[in-house]
Each structure stands twice: as structure tokens, then as C-alpha cells.
Amino acid sequence: MPAFLVAVCQVTNPNENFKKYAVESAKLMHAHGGEYIVRGPAHEVLKGDALQGKVVIISQFPDMDALQGFVTDEQYVNEVAPLRDGTGIYDFACYQAAPPMP
């Protein structure tokens, strides 16, 4: 069953390391079977303020094992994720796809 990685990001310092993070994390995500479903600011915030000025990234993986493989990948943890340090505020969560409706 598909799994989703959701990131809500407030980028405050889009420096060279941030740009490298975006490229390198995408490569590793693809290597673990992930693909972007949503990537960017909201087209329109319909209600509330929590998403104003934020970027939302939703990545789909074949299953939770593939998603966990990405977020625990040694290269991601030790080399790629640290590139994001000092570039903003990031919240991440994993979600299992909803079962099909009857």
C-alpha cells in the first residue's frame, strides 16, 4: 500500500546548501522509489493562516518500507539532511495511504 512523506517547510535562507539539498534529496528519494505528488506553495490557501508562506511537499513511495528506507538512508542522514540546517523550519510526517473505499 502506498505511503506518503509530507513536509511543511518555511524556507528562510535559500542558500547554496539548500539548493544542493533539494537536488540530492530528490535523487535519493527517486532511488527509493519515491516521486513528488505536490511540491510548492499553495495555489490558494482556502482557510486559516498555518500554510501562508509555506511550501508543502508530498512524496509518494510504493510502501512504508520504501519511505523508511529513504528517511533512514545513511547518505541522506549523514550527508544530505545536514545541508538543510540553518535554511528554514521543516516539519515532516509519514502517512499510510487510506484503504480503498468499499
Foldseek 3Di string as FASTA:
>chain_A
DKKKKKKKWQFDACDPLVVVLVVVLQVLCVVLAKDWPAWAQDPDDPDDDPRVNIIMTMIMHPFVVSVVCSVPPPCCVPPRVVSCPPGTDMDMDMGGDDDDDD
